[in-house]
C-alpha cells in the first residue's frame, strides 16, 4: 500500500531515506528543518512523518506538536529519528 511520507531531517541521511522509500513505491516529501516540515505537511498531507529530533529552527518535538495541531494531524503516524548517540548506545 502506497503511503505519503514526509521526512524531516537536516542531515545527509534525508536524501538516502527519501530515495529508499520512493524506490519502495511511496510518495515522499522532504524538509530540512522543523518549521519547513510543518509547512510541507499542511500542503502534502502525509500519512507518515519521520522527524529528526535535532533540527535547526524548530526541533522535532516542537514540530511534532505543531503537526498534531494541523487538521489531519491526529491521523498522521509520527516517527522519531535521530543521529545523536552516546558511546554506550553505539557499542
N, C-alpha and C. Protein backbone atom coordinates (compact mmCIF):
# COMPACT_ATOMS: atom_id res chain seq x y z
N UNK A 1 0.84 -1.18 0.00
CA UNK A 1 0.00 0.00 0.00
C UNK A 1 0.89 1.25 0.00
N UNK A 2 0.67 2.10 -0.95
CA UNK A 2 1.45 3.33 -1.07
C UNK A 2 1.07 4.32 0.02
N UNK A 3 2.06 4.90 0.64
CA UNK A 3 1.87 5.92 1.68
C UNK A 3 2.48 7.24 1.23
N UNK A 4 1.93 8.31 1.77
CA UNK A 4 2.52 9.65 1.61
C UNK A 4 3.39 9.87 2.84
N UNK A 5 4.70 10.02 2.62
CA UNK A 5 5.65 10.10 3.72
C UNK A 5 6.43 11.40 3.64
N UNK A 6 6.47 12.10 4.75
CA UNK A 6 7.29 13.31 4.88
C UNK A 6 8.48 12.97 5.76
N UNK A 7 9.67 13.28 5.27
CA UNK A 7 10.90 13.09 6.04
C UNK A 7 11.46 14.46 6.37
N UNK A 8 11.66 14.72 7.65
CA UNK A 8 12.22 16.00 8.09
C UNK A 8 13.54 15.71 8.81
N UNK A 9 14.63 16.12 8.18
CA UNK A 9 15.95 15.85 8.73
C UNK A 9 16.93 16.87 8.14
N UNK A 10 17.88 17.33 8.93
CA UNK A 10 18.87 18.30 8.45
C UNK A 10 20.20 17.62 8.13
N UNK A 11 20.19 16.33 7.93
CA UNK A 11 21.40 15.56 7.71
C UNK A 11 21.41 14.95 6.31
N UNK A 12 22.56 14.40 5.94
CA UNK A 12 22.71 13.75 4.64
C UNK A 12 21.82 12.52 4.50
N UNK A 13 21.36 11.95 5.60
CA UNK A 13 20.51 10.76 5.56
C UNK A 13 19.17 11.05 4.89
N UNK A 14 18.78 12.30 4.84
CA UNK A 14 17.49 12.70 4.26
C UNK A 14 17.33 12.17 2.84
N UNK A 15 18.27 12.44 1.98
CA UNK A 15 18.17 12.02 0.57
C UNK A 15 18.19 10.51 0.43
N UNK A 16 19.02 9.85 1.19
CA UNK A 16 19.10 8.39 1.11
C UNK A 16 17.81 7.72 1.53
N UNK A 17 17.25 8.17 2.63
CA UNK A 17 15.99 7.61 3.11
C UNK A 17 14.85 7.92 2.13
N UNK A 18 14.84 9.13 1.60
CA UNK A 18 13.83 9.51 0.61
C UNK A 18 13.93 8.61 -0.64
N UNK A 19 15.15 8.37 -1.12
CA UNK A 19 15.35 7.50 -2.28
C UNK A 19 14.88 6.08 -2.00
N UNK A 20 15.19 5.57 -0.82
CA UNK A 20 14.78 4.22 -0.44
C UNK A 20 13.25 4.09 -0.45
N UNK A 21 12.59 5.03 0.21
CA UNK A 21 11.13 4.97 0.31
C UNK A 21 10.45 5.20 -1.03
N UNK A 22 11.01 6.08 -1.85
CA UNK A 22 10.47 6.30 -3.20
C UNK A 22 10.62 5.03 -4.02
N UNK A 23 11.76 4.38 -3.90
CA UNK A 23 12.00 3.13 -4.61
C UNK A 23 11.05 2.02 -4.19
N UNK A 24 10.53 2.12 -2.98
CA UNK A 24 9.56 1.14 -2.49
C UNK A 24 8.13 1.48 -2.93
N UNK A 25 8.01 2.59 -3.68
CA UNK A 25 6.71 2.96 -4.23
C UNK A 25 5.92 4.00 -3.46
N UNK A 26 6.53 4.60 -2.45
CA UNK A 26 5.83 5.61 -1.66
C UNK A 26 6.02 7.00 -2.26
N UNK A 27 5.09 7.88 -1.97
CA UNK A 27 5.20 9.28 -2.37
C UNK A 27 5.89 10.01 -1.23
N UNK A 28 7.02 10.65 -1.50
CA UNK A 28 7.86 11.20 -0.44
C UNK A 28 8.08 12.70 -0.63
N UNK A 29 7.93 13.44 0.46
CA UNK A 29 8.28 14.86 0.50
C UNK A 29 9.40 15.03 1.53
N UNK A 30 10.19 16.09 1.38
CA UNK A 30 11.32 16.31 2.27
C UNK A 30 11.30 17.72 2.85
N UNK A 31 11.83 17.84 4.06
CA UNK A 31 12.01 19.14 4.71
C UNK A 31 13.31 19.11 5.49
N UNK A 32 14.07 20.20 5.43
CA UNK A 32 15.39 20.24 6.08
C UNK A 32 15.36 20.83 7.49
N UNK A 33 14.19 21.23 7.96
CA UNK A 33 14.07 21.71 9.34
C UNK A 33 12.62 21.56 9.80
N UNK A 34 12.41 21.72 11.09
CA UNK A 34 11.09 21.51 11.66
C UNK A 34 10.04 22.50 11.18
N UNK A 35 10.42 23.75 11.02
CA UNK A 35 9.47 24.76 10.56
C UNK A 35 8.98 24.42 9.15
N UNK A 36 9.92 24.04 8.30
CA UNK A 36 9.56 23.67 6.93
C UNK A 36 8.72 22.39 6.91
N UNK A 37 8.98 21.47 7.83
CA UNK A 37 8.21 20.22 7.91
C UNK A 37 6.73 20.52 8.14
N UNK A 38 6.44 21.46 9.01
CA UNK A 38 5.05 21.81 9.30
C UNK A 38 4.41 22.44 8.07
N UNK A 39 5.15 23.32 7.39
CA UNK A 39 4.63 23.94 6.16
C UNK A 39 4.33 22.90 5.09
N UNK A 40 5.28 21.98 4.88
CA UNK A 40 5.11 20.95 3.86
C UNK A 40 3.94 20.03 4.22
N UNK A 41 3.86 19.64 5.48
CA UNK A 41 2.78 18.74 5.92
C UNK A 41 1.41 19.36 5.70
N UNK A 42 1.28 20.66 5.89
CA UNK A 42 0.00 21.33 5.70
C UNK A 42 -0.47 21.21 4.25
N UNK A 43 0.46 21.19 3.31
CA UNK A 43 0.13 21.07 1.88
C UNK A 43 0.12 19.62 1.40
N UNK A 44 1.07 18.83 1.84
CA UNK A 44 1.29 17.46 1.36
C UNK A 44 0.34 16.46 2.02
N UNK A 45 -0.09 16.74 3.24
CA UNK A 45 -0.99 15.88 4.00
C UNK A 45 -0.48 14.43 4.08
N UNK A 46 0.67 14.24 4.74
CA UNK A 46 1.27 12.90 4.78
C UNK A 46 0.53 11.93 5.68
N UNK A 47 0.71 10.65 5.39
CA UNK A 47 0.21 9.59 6.26
C UNK A 47 1.21 9.35 7.39
N UNK A 48 2.50 9.49 7.05
CA UNK A 48 3.60 9.23 7.97
C UNK A 48 4.58 10.41 7.92
N UNK A 49 5.07 10.81 9.10
CA UNK A 49 6.09 11.85 9.18
C UNK A 49 7.25 11.27 9.99
N UNK A 50 8.43 11.28 9.40
CA UNK A 50 9.65 10.84 10.09
C UNK A 50 10.41 12.10 10.46
N UNK A 51 10.56 12.34 11.76
CA UNK A 51 11.13 13.59 12.27
C UNK A 51 12.45 13.37 12.99
N UNK A 52 13.45 14.10 12.57
CA UNK A 52 14.71 14.17 13.32
C UNK A 52 14.46 15.04 14.54
N UNK A 53 15.00 14.66 15.68
CA UNK A 53 14.82 15.46 16.89
C UNK A 53 15.69 16.70 16.91
N UNK A 54 16.89 16.64 16.31
CA UNK A 54 17.87 17.72 16.46
C UNK A 54 17.96 18.64 15.26
N UNK A 55 16.84 19.15 14.79
CA UNK A 55 16.86 20.04 13.62
C UNK A 55 16.95 21.50 14.03
N UNK A 56 17.48 22.35 13.14
CA UNK A 56 17.55 23.79 13.42
C UNK A 56 16.18 24.45 13.30
N UNK A 57 16.08 25.65 13.81
CA UNK A 57 14.88 26.49 13.80
C UNK A 57 13.78 25.95 14.70
N UNK A 58 13.23 24.82 14.36
CA UNK A 58 12.21 24.16 15.18
C UNK A 58 12.63 22.71 15.30
N UNK A 59 12.85 22.22 16.53
CA UNK A 59 13.30 20.84 16.68
C UNK A 59 12.14 19.86 16.44
N UNK A 60 12.45 18.59 16.42
CA UNK A 60 11.45 17.57 16.11
C UNK A 60 10.29 17.52 17.08
N UNK A 61 10.55 17.73 18.36
CA UNK A 61 9.48 17.69 19.36
C UNK A 61 8.50 18.85 19.16
N UNK A 62 9.03 20.04 18.94
CA UNK A 62 8.16 21.19 18.69
C UNK A 62 7.42 21.02 17.37
N UNK A 63 8.09 20.46 16.36
CA UNK A 63 7.44 20.21 15.08
C UNK A 63 6.32 19.19 15.25
N UNK A 64 6.54 18.16 16.04
CA UNK A 64 5.50 17.16 16.29
C UNK A 64 4.27 17.79 16.91
N UNK A 65 4.48 18.68 17.86
CA UNK A 65 3.34 19.38 18.48
C UNK A 65 2.57 20.20 17.44
N UNK A 66 3.30 20.90 16.59
CA UNK A 66 2.67 21.72 15.54
C UNK A 66 1.96 20.84 14.51
N UNK A 67 2.55 19.69 14.19
CA UNK A 67 1.91 18.77 13.24
C UNK A 67 0.60 18.24 13.80
N UNK A 68 0.58 17.91 15.07
CA UNK A 68 -0.65 17.41 15.70
C UNK A 68 -1.77 18.46 15.67
N UNK A 69 -1.41 19.73 15.62
CA UNK A 69 -2.40 20.81 15.60
C UNK A 69 -3.00 21.03 14.20
N UNK A 70 -2.40 20.42 13.17
CA UNK A 70 -2.94 20.55 11.81
C UNK A 70 -4.27 19.80 11.70
N UNK A 71 -5.11 20.16 10.72
CA UNK A 71 -6.41 19.48 10.58
C UNK A 71 -6.33 17.95 10.54
N UNK A 72 -5.35 17.37 9.86
CA UNK A 72 -5.20 15.91 9.81
C UNK A 72 -4.10 15.42 10.76
N UNK A 73 -3.66 16.28 11.64
CA UNK A 73 -2.52 15.97 12.49
C UNK A 73 -2.67 14.75 13.36
N UNK A 74 -3.84 14.49 13.86
CA UNK A 74 -4.04 13.34 14.74
C UNK A 74 -4.08 12.03 13.96
N UNK A 75 -4.24 12.12 12.65
CA UNK A 75 -4.26 10.92 11.79
C UNK A 75 -2.87 10.52 11.32
N UNK A 76 -1.90 11.42 11.41
CA UNK A 76 -0.54 11.14 10.94
C UNK A 76 0.20 10.26 11.92
N UNK A 77 0.93 9.28 11.39
CA UNK A 77 1.84 8.50 12.21
C UNK A 77 3.14 9.27 12.29
N UNK A 78 3.58 9.62 13.49
CA UNK A 78 4.83 10.35 13.67
C UNK A 78 5.89 9.39 14.19
N UNK A 79 7.05 9.39 13.54
CA UNK A 79 8.16 8.53 13.96
C UNK A 79 9.38 9.39 14.21
N UNK A 80 10.03 9.16 15.34
CA UNK A 80 11.23 9.92 15.70
C UNK A 80 12.47 9.30 15.06
N UNK A 81 13.38 10.16 14.66
CA UNK A 81 14.65 9.76 14.06
C UNK A 81 15.71 10.66 14.66
N UNK A 82 16.84 10.09 15.02
CA UNK A 82 17.93 10.93 15.50
C UNK A 82 19.27 10.30 15.16
N UNK A 83 20.22 11.14 14.93
CA UNK A 83 21.59 10.70 14.71
C UNK A 83 22.42 10.85 15.97
N UNK A 84 21.79 11.35 17.03
CA UNK A 84 22.50 11.53 18.29
C UNK A 84 22.68 10.17 18.94
N UNK A 85 23.87 9.91 19.41
CA UNK A 85 24.13 8.65 20.13
C UNK A 85 25.27 8.86 21.08
N UNK A 86 25.24 8.14 22.14
CA UNK A 86 26.36 8.19 23.08
C UNK A 86 27.22 6.94 22.84
N UNK A 87 28.38 6.93 23.41
CA UNK A 87 29.26 5.76 23.24
C UNK A 87 28.60 4.49 23.76
N UNK A 88 27.85 4.60 24.85
CA UNK A 88 27.22 3.40 25.42
C UNK A 88 26.14 2.86 24.49
N UNK A 89 25.48 3.71 23.74
CA UNK A 89 24.46 3.27 22.81
C UNK A 89 25.10 2.70 21.55
N UNK A 90 26.16 3.31 21.10
CA UNK A 90 26.79 2.91 19.84
C UNK A 90 27.53 1.58 19.92
N UNK A 91 27.81 1.09 21.11
CA UNK A 91 28.56 -0.17 21.25
C UNK A 91 27.73 -1.37 20.92
